[in-house]
């Protein structure tokens, strides 16, 4: 008779193992950043404009000097994905007195639709008889990092501003990167812009004439919207072990455009092949063969090397002339289901 605890314990182990496999990869971010304007007081009118041009997203309260307030562009990230990575922001600012710009990393996830979370401003101040306390909406550890600018600067003469995102003091699973421009006086104005945001070994966003701004709410004290940037995935590829023509040594085949080339992506105790997106797999640019009306991919899960771990076997559709005759190597590329790139190389010999 099986012990009564066996089934739940085994199930718990499987869940834990599955979680470990999934947590190896980063969640690939998308191209969208949130936008929000925010009043400083109800007695003053905020007037942010967000628009893209051929090189950047422009964030301005210009030329009308009577407008005051905060203009935010921000994005939420899983803390585990960006912790201890370097954030670089290439931007510009043209301003008057009482205006500033700031790059910040806040603990927690902020949403443009939640008015109680704004302004994203951790500064308390008193000026001309008006006192502003710290906002109650800051989450967790509050502001974790910041770069504060009160000068004029531009990308042609100034290097990007950088933050080493250690995220010390964070108590929540997500964090928010925010870029804020603030105009604090009815006698001033500012014009700012962001050319590029880069998180080293994670992602890059930049703007050009193909980028867009979509405002969901306009004409209020708290307009909201999004901007869609050009997105580049900078996550380093996960190195995987592959076996071209499994159980064949050397790995010799014809490259004449006929048939398929079997390739196994080898699983292990640290790599779960079921997380691979078979539709993205290529061998030196040659894709996995599809068959039938349903365009079924020729792929299967099996243990080709008898080590007790599942392997993913794909049948690559041969394309004439990709390789030259003789010995060499071939590289397989693709993505995990979450978009993380993978890469693996094996030796080959071409007979024809």
Protein backbone atom coordinates (compact mmCIF):
# COMPACT_ATOMS: atom_id res chain seq x y z
CA UNK A 1 0.00 0.00 0.00
CA UNK A 2 1.28 3.46 -0.89
CA UNK A 3 1.83 5.89 1.94
CA UNK A 4 -0.93 8.49 2.20
CA UNK A 5 1.61 11.31 1.98
CA UNK A 6 3.27 10.07 -1.22
CA UNK A 7 0.95 11.70 -3.79
CA UNK A 8 0.89 15.22 -2.31
CA UNK A 9 4.66 15.15 -1.65
CA UNK A 10 5.41 14.06 -5.22
CA UNK A 11 3.04 16.72 -6.58
CA UNK A 12 4.79 19.37 -4.47
CA UNK A 13 8.18 18.27 -5.76
CA UNK A 14 6.98 18.46 -9.37
CA UNK A 15 5.60 21.96 -8.81
CA UNK A 16 8.90 23.06 -7.21
CA UNK A 17 10.99 21.60 -10.05
CA UNK A 18 8.74 23.23 -12.65
CA UNK A 19 9.08 26.58 -10.84
CA UNK A 20 12.86 26.27 -10.79
CA UNK A 21 12.93 25.66 -14.54
CA UNK A 22 10.64 28.60 -15.26
CA UNK A 23 12.59 30.96 -13.00
CA UNK A 24 15.76 30.45 -15.00
CA UNK A 25 14.48 32.76 -17.73
CA UNK A 26 13.69 36.45 -17.80
CA UNK A 27 10.23 37.75 -18.61
CA UNK A 28 10.87 39.65 -21.82
CA UNK A 29 9.45 43.18 -21.53
CA UNK A 30 7.29 44.78 -24.22
CA UNK A 31 7.51 48.09 -26.07
CA UNK A 32 4.96 50.04 -24.01
CA UNK A 33 5.62 52.76 -21.41
CA UNK A 34 2.89 54.46 -19.39
CA UNK A 35 2.30 58.23 -19.46
CA UNK A 36 0.64 60.43 -16.89
CA UNK A 37 0.44 64.10 -16.01
CA UNK A 38 -0.17 65.15 -12.41
CA UNK A 39 -1.13 68.39 -10.75
CA UNK A 40 0.95 69.83 -7.90
CA UNK A 41 -2.07 71.49 -6.31
CA UNK A 42 -5.71 71.77 -7.33
CA UNK A 43 -5.20 75.55 -7.59
CA UNK A 44 -2.88 75.22 -10.58
CA UNK A 45 -3.38 73.79 -14.07
CA UNK A 46 -1.09 71.06 -15.39
CA UNK A 47 -0.40 70.92 -19.13
CA UNK A 48 1.93 68.10 -20.22
CA UNK A 49 2.29 67.20 -23.88
CA UNK A 50 3.69 63.85 -25.04
CA UNK A 51 4.64 63.44 -28.70
CA UNK A 52 7.22 61.49 -30.70
CA UNK A 53 9.45 62.86 -33.46
CA UNK A 54 12.15 61.28 -35.63
CA UNK A 55 14.59 60.67 -32.76
CA UNK A 56 12.83 60.77 -29.38
CA UNK A 57 9.69 61.14 -27.32
CA UNK A 58 9.16 64.80 -26.37
CA UNK A 59 7.73 65.57 -22.93
CA UNK A 60 6.98 69.25 -22.51
CA UNK A 61 5.13 72.04 -20.76
CA UNK A 62 6.02 74.60 -23.43
CA UNK A 63 5.57 77.35 -24.59
CA UNK A 64 2.76 78.15 -22.11
CA UNK A 65 4.42 79.33 -18.89
CA UNK A 66 1.14 79.32 -16.94
CA UNK A 67 1.05 75.52 -16.66
CA UNK A 68 2.65 73.66 -13.74
CA UNK A 69 2.84 70.05 -12.62
CA UNK A 70 4.51 66.69 -13.17
CA UNK A 71 4.89 64.77 -16.44
CA UNK A 72 5.66 61.09 -15.86
CA UNK A 73 6.76 58.27 -18.18
CA UNK A 74 7.15 54.96 -16.36
CA UNK A 75 7.19 51.17 -16.66
CA UNK A 76 6.75 48.27 -14.21
CA UNK A 77 9.29 45.43 -14.06
CA UNK A 78 9.65 42.21 -12.11
CA UNK A 79 12.36 42.93 -9.56
CA UNK A 80 14.17 39.65 -10.19
CA UNK A 81 14.62 40.57 -13.88
CA UNK A 82 16.44 43.88 -13.42
CA UNK A 83 18.05 43.74 -9.98
CA UNK A 84 21.78 44.62 -10.10
CA UNK A 85 21.54 45.69 -13.74
CA UNK A 86 22.62 49.07 -15.08
CA UNK A 87 19.97 51.54 -16.29
CA UNK A 88 21.15 54.11 -18.86
CA UNK A 89 18.91 56.98 -20.00
CA UNK A 90 19.85 59.19 -22.94
CA UNK A 91 17.72 62.33 -22.68
CA UNK A 92 17.63 66.12 -22.86
CA UNK A 93 16.20 69.04 -20.93
CA UNK A 94 15.78 72.74 -21.65
CA UNK A 95 14.34 74.51 -18.63
CA UNK A 96 13.83 77.57 -16.49
CA UNK A 97 14.13 78.12 -12.74
CA UNK A 98 11.82 76.00 -10.54
CA UNK A 99 11.87 73.13 -13.03
CA UNK A 100 13.69 69.80 -12.78
CA UNK A 101 13.86 66.31 -14.23
CA UNK A 102 14.44 63.02 -12.47
CA UNK A 103 15.03 59.33 -13.17
CA UNK A 104 13.77 57.20 -10.30
CA UNK A 105 13.27 53.57 -9.41
CA UNK A 106 10.35 53.04 -7.02
CA UNK A 107 9.41 49.95 -5.09
CA UNK A 108 6.13 48.40 -6.23
CA UNK A 109 3.96 48.50 -9.35
CA UNK A 110 2.35 51.82 -10.31
CA UNK A 111 -0.60 52.22 -12.66
CA UNK A 112 -1.46 55.35 -14.65
CA UNK A 113 -5.17 54.78 -13.88
CA UNK A 114 -4.69 54.94 -10.11
CA UNK A 115 -4.83 58.61 -9.09
CA UNK A 116 -3.91 57.94 -5.43
CA UNK A 117 -0.46 56.71 -6.50
CA UNK A 118 0.62 60.04 -7.99
CA UNK A 119 2.63 62.18 -8.11
CA UNK A 120 5.62 59.86 -7.99
CA UNK A 121 7.47 62.44 -5.93
CA UNK A 122 9.25 61.53 -2.68
CA UNK A 123 10.11 65.14 -1.84
CA UNK A 124 8.41 67.17 0.89
CA UNK A 125 8.78 70.94 0.60
CA UNK A 126 7.49 74.35 1.74
CA UNK A 127 7.48 77.27 -0.66
CA UNK A 128 5.64 80.65 -0.61
CA UNK A 129 3.44 79.54 2.24
CA UNK A 130 2.48 76.22 0.59
CA UNK A 131 3.55 73.01 2.28
CA UNK A 132 3.57 69.67 0.54
CA UNK A 133 4.16 66.52 2.59
CA UNK A 134 5.41 63.19 1.33
CA UNK A 135 2.71 61.50 -0.76
CA UNK A 136 0.88 58.62 0.86
CA UNK A 137 0.89 56.53 -2.31
CA UNK A 138 4.53 55.41 -2.23
CA UNK A 139 4.75 51.64 -1.89
CA UNK A 140 7.12 49.31 -0.04
CA UNK A 141 10.59 50.82 0.28
CA UNK A 142 9.55 53.98 -1.59
CA UNK A 143 12.13 55.56 -3.86
CA UNK A 144 15.05 53.14 -4.23
CA UNK A 145 17.28 55.11 -6.64
CA UNK A 146 17.26 58.50 -8.27
CA UNK A 147 19.16 60.84 -10.60
CA UNK A 148 18.03 64.44 -10.09
CA UNK A 149 18.77 67.14 -12.71
CA UNK A 150 18.16 70.89 -12.50
CA UNK A 151 20.38 71.90 -15.42
CA UNK A 152 20.19 72.01 -19.19
CA UNK A 153 21.67 68.98 -20.94
CA UNK A 154 21.42 67.11 -24.24
CA UNK A 155 22.66 63.84 -25.79
CA UNK A 156 25.18 65.52 -28.12
CA UNK A 157 27.24 66.96 -25.27
CA UNK A 158 26.33 64.89 -22.20
CA UNK A 159 26.67 61.15 -21.56
CA UNK A 160 23.64 59.07 -20.55
CA UNK A 161 22.64 59.17 -16.90
CA UNK A 162 23.13 55.80 -15.20
CA UNK A 163 21.75 53.96 -12.19
CA UNK A 164 23.13 50.73 -10.76
CA UNK A 165 19.82 49.14 -9.78
CA UNK A 166 20.80 47.24 -6.64
CA UNK A 167 17.20 47.82 -5.44
CA UNK A 168 18.41 47.88 -1.84
CA UNK A 169 15.48 48.46 0.51
CA UNK A 170 12.90 46.92 -1.82
CA UNK A 171 10.26 44.80 -0.11
CA UNK A 172 7.97 44.08 -3.08
CA UNK A 173 8.25 41.69 -6.08
CA UNK A 174 7.93 44.47 -8.68
CA UNK A 175 9.53 47.87 -9.18
CA UNK A 176 8.74 50.89 -11.36
CA UNK A 177 11.23 52.89 -13.40
CA UNK A 178 9.95 56.45 -13.79
CA UNK A 179 11.25 59.47 -15.70
CA UNK A 180 9.65 62.68 -14.48
CA UNK A 181 9.78 66.29 -15.64
CA UNK A 182 8.42 68.91 -13.25
CA UNK A 183 7.51 72.56 -13.71
CA UNK A 184 6.85 74.21 -10.36
CA UNK A 185 6.07 77.81 -11.29
CA UNK A 186 3.53 79.68 -13.42
CA UNK A 187 6.37 81.90 -14.66
CA UNK A 188 8.48 79.07 -16.14
CA UNK A 189 8.30 76.36 -18.78
CA UNK A 190 10.31 73.30 -19.79
CA UNK A 191 10.94 71.15 -22.85
CA UNK A 192 12.45 67.70 -22.42
CA UNK A 193 12.88 64.51 -24.38
CA UNK A 194 14.06 60.91 -24.11
CA UNK A 195 16.15 59.36 -26.90
CA UNK A 196 16.88 55.94 -25.44
CA UNK A 197 16.35 53.86 -22.33
CA UNK A 198 18.63 50.87 -21.93
CA UNK A 199 18.90 48.21 -19.24
CA UNK A 200 22.20 46.45 -19.88
CA UNK A 201 21.77 42.75 -20.76
CA UNK A 202 17.99 43.12 -20.66
CA UNK A 203 16.30 45.51 -23.10
CA UNK A 204 16.48 48.81 -24.98
CA UNK A 205 13.74 51.27 -26.00
CA UNK A 206 14.13 54.14 -28.46
CA UNK A 207 11.79 56.37 -30.43
CA UNK A 208 11.52 57.50 -34.05
CA UNK A 209 8.85 58.52 -36.55
CA UNK A 210 7.34 55.01 -36.41
CA UNK A 211 6.77 55.25 -32.64
CA UNK A 212 3.45 56.38 -31.23
CA UNK A 213 1.71 58.11 -28.35
CA UNK A 214 -1.89 57.18 -27.51
CA UNK A 215 -3.67 59.31 -24.91
CA UNK A 216 -6.68 57.65 -23.29
CA UNK A 217 -7.67 60.77 -21.32
CA UNK A 218 -6.95 64.38 -22.35
CA UNK A 219 -8.05 67.84 -21.28
CA UNK A 220 -8.05 67.04 -17.55
CA UNK A 221 -5.69 67.65 -14.64
CA UNK A 222 -4.52 64.03 -14.89
CA UNK A 223 -4.27 63.03 -18.57
CA UNK A 224 -3.10 59.45 -19.13
CA UNK A 225 -1.83 57.40 -22.05
CA UNK A 226 0.92 55.13 -23.37
CA UNK A 227 3.82 55.36 -25.76
CA UNK A 228 5.00 52.48 -27.93
CA UNK A 229 8.75 52.55 -28.55
CA UNK A 230 11.09 50.54 -30.71
CA UNK A 231 11.97 47.57 -28.50
CA UNK A 232 15.22 45.58 -28.64
CA UNK A 233 15.70 42.45 -26.55
CA UNK A 234 19.19 42.50 -25.00
CA UNK A 235 18.81 39.40 -22.84
CA UNK A 236 21.87 37.19 -23.47
CA UNK A 237 21.05 33.88 -25.12
CA UNK A 238 20.81 30.82 -22.89
CA UNK A 239 23.42 28.35 -24.06
CA UNK A 240 21.88 24.92 -24.76
CA UNK A 241 23.45 21.59 -25.65
CA UNK A 242 22.41 20.22 -29.02
CA UNK A 243 23.08 17.02 -30.97
CA UNK A 244 22.79 17.23 -34.75
CA UNK A 245 21.79 13.80 -36.12
CA UNK A 246 21.37 12.23 -32.66
CA UNK A 247 23.32 9.01 -32.04
CA UNK A 248 25.44 9.66 -35.14
CA UNK A 249 29.15 10.40 -34.88
CA UNK A 250 30.38 12.16 -36.92
CA UNK A 251 27.29 14.22 -37.79
CA UNK A 252 27.46 13.89 -41.56
CA UNK A 253 24.66 14.71 -44.01
CA UNK A 254 23.96 16.02 -47.51
CA UNK A 255 23.00 19.66 -47.89
CA UNK A 256 21.19 19.37 -51.20
CA UNK A 257 17.74 20.70 -50.32
CA UNK A 258 16.17 17.25 -49.94
CA UNK A 259 14.77 15.81 -46.73
CA UNK A 260 15.24 16.96 -43.16
CA UNK A 261 18.08 17.30 -40.66
CA UNK A 262 17.22 15.96 -37.19
CA UNK A 263 18.51 18.06 -34.28
CA UNK A 264 18.05 17.34 -30.57
CA UNK A 265 18.04 20.06 -27.93
CA UNK A 266 19.24 18.17 -24.88
CA UNK A 267 17.47 18.47 -21.56
CA UNK A 268 19.17 18.25 -18.18
CA UNK A 269 18.56 18.82 -14.48
CA UNK A 270 18.94 22.56 -15.16
CA UNK A 271 17.12 22.88 -18.49
CA UNK A 272 13.53 21.89 -19.27
CA UNK A 273 13.06 21.49 -23.04
CA UNK A 274 9.29 21.84 -22.75
CA UNK A 275 9.94 25.59 -22.24
CA UNK A 276 11.31 25.87 -25.80
CA UNK A 277 9.12 27.45 -28.50
CA UNK A 278 9.64 24.99 -31.37
CA UNK A 279 8.27 27.43 -33.93
CA UNK A 280 11.24 29.75 -33.37
CA UNK A 281 13.96 27.13 -33.84
CA UNK A 282 16.37 27.57 -36.75
CA UNK A 283 19.60 25.86 -37.75
CA UNK A 284 21.74 28.41 -39.59
CA UNK A 285 18.54 30.07 -40.79
CA UNK A 286 16.74 26.84 -41.77
CA UNK A 287 13.41 26.39 -39.97
CA UNK A 288 11.61 23.39 -38.52
CA UNK A 289 9.62 21.58 -41.22
CA UNK A 290 5.84 21.90 -41.09
CA UNK A 291 3.41 19.40 -42.60
CA UNK A 292 -0.29 19.02 -43.26
CA UNK A 293 -3.15 21.48 -43.49
CA UNK A 294 -2.63 22.41 -39.84
CA UNK A 295 1.04 23.26 -40.49
CA UNK A 296 2.16 20.88 -37.78
CA UNK A 297 5.78 21.29 -36.68
CA UNK A 298 7.90 18.16 -36.96
CA UNK A 299 9.05 18.06 -33.35
CA UNK A 300 8.82 15.56 -30.51
CA UNK A 301 9.83 15.07 -26.89
CA UNK A 302 11.97 12.02 -26.25
CA UNK A 303 15.11 10.93 -24.40
CA UNK A 304 17.57 10.49 -27.27
CA UNK A 305 20.72 10.00 -25.21
CA UNK A 306 19.30 7.83 -22.42
CA UNK A 307 20.27 10.14 -19.56
CA UNK A 308 16.78 10.19 -18.06
CA UNK A 309 15.95 13.75 -19.16
CA UNK A 310 13.55 14.70 -21.93
CA UNK A 311 15.06 16.12 -25.11
CA UNK A 312 13.36 18.14 -27.85
CA UNK A 313 13.92 16.68 -31.31
CA UNK A 314 13.12 18.88 -34.31
CA UNK A 315 13.32 18.07 -38.01
CA UNK A 316 14.97 20.96 -39.85
CA UNK A 317 13.91 21.41 -43.48
CA UNK A 318 17.06 21.17 -45.57
CA UNK A 319 17.91 24.14 -47.81
CA UNK A 320 20.43 23.64 -50.59
CA UNK A 321 23.70 25.55 -50.35
CA UNK A 322 23.65 26.63 -46.70
CA UNK A 323 26.86 24.73 -45.96
CA UNK A 324 30.01 24.01 -47.97
CA UNK A 325 31.41 20.51 -48.30
CA UNK A 326 33.70 19.41 -45.48
CA UNK A 327 33.74 19.68 -41.69
CA UNK A 328 32.61 22.62 -39.59
CA UNK A 329 30.00 23.68 -37.08
CA UNK A 330 26.34 24.64 -37.18
CA UNK A 331 24.49 26.88 -34.72
CA UNK A 332 20.89 26.48 -33.62
CA UNK A 333 18.95 29.54 -32.43
CA UNK A 334 15.46 30.07 -31.06
CA UNK A 335 13.48 31.30 -28.08
CA UNK A 336 11.92 29.97 -24.95
CA UNK A 337 8.17 30.40 -24.62
CA UNK A 338 8.73 33.63 -22.67
CA UNK A 339 10.92 35.05 -25.45
CA UNK A 340 14.33 34.41 -23.89
CA UNK A 341 16.77 33.55 -26.72
CA UNK A 342 18.64 30.23 -26.80
CA UNK A 343 21.67 29.15 -28.78
CA UNK A 344 23.64 25.95 -29.24
CA UNK A 345 26.39 24.66 -31.55
CA UNK A 346 27.49 21.22 -32.74
CA UNK A 347 30.03 19.86 -35.21
CA UNK A 348 28.96 18.73 -38.70
CA UNK A 349 30.41 17.25 -41.84
CA UNK A 350 28.87 17.92 -45.25
CA UNK A 351 29.25 15.16 -47.80
CA UNK A 352 27.58 16.94 -50.72
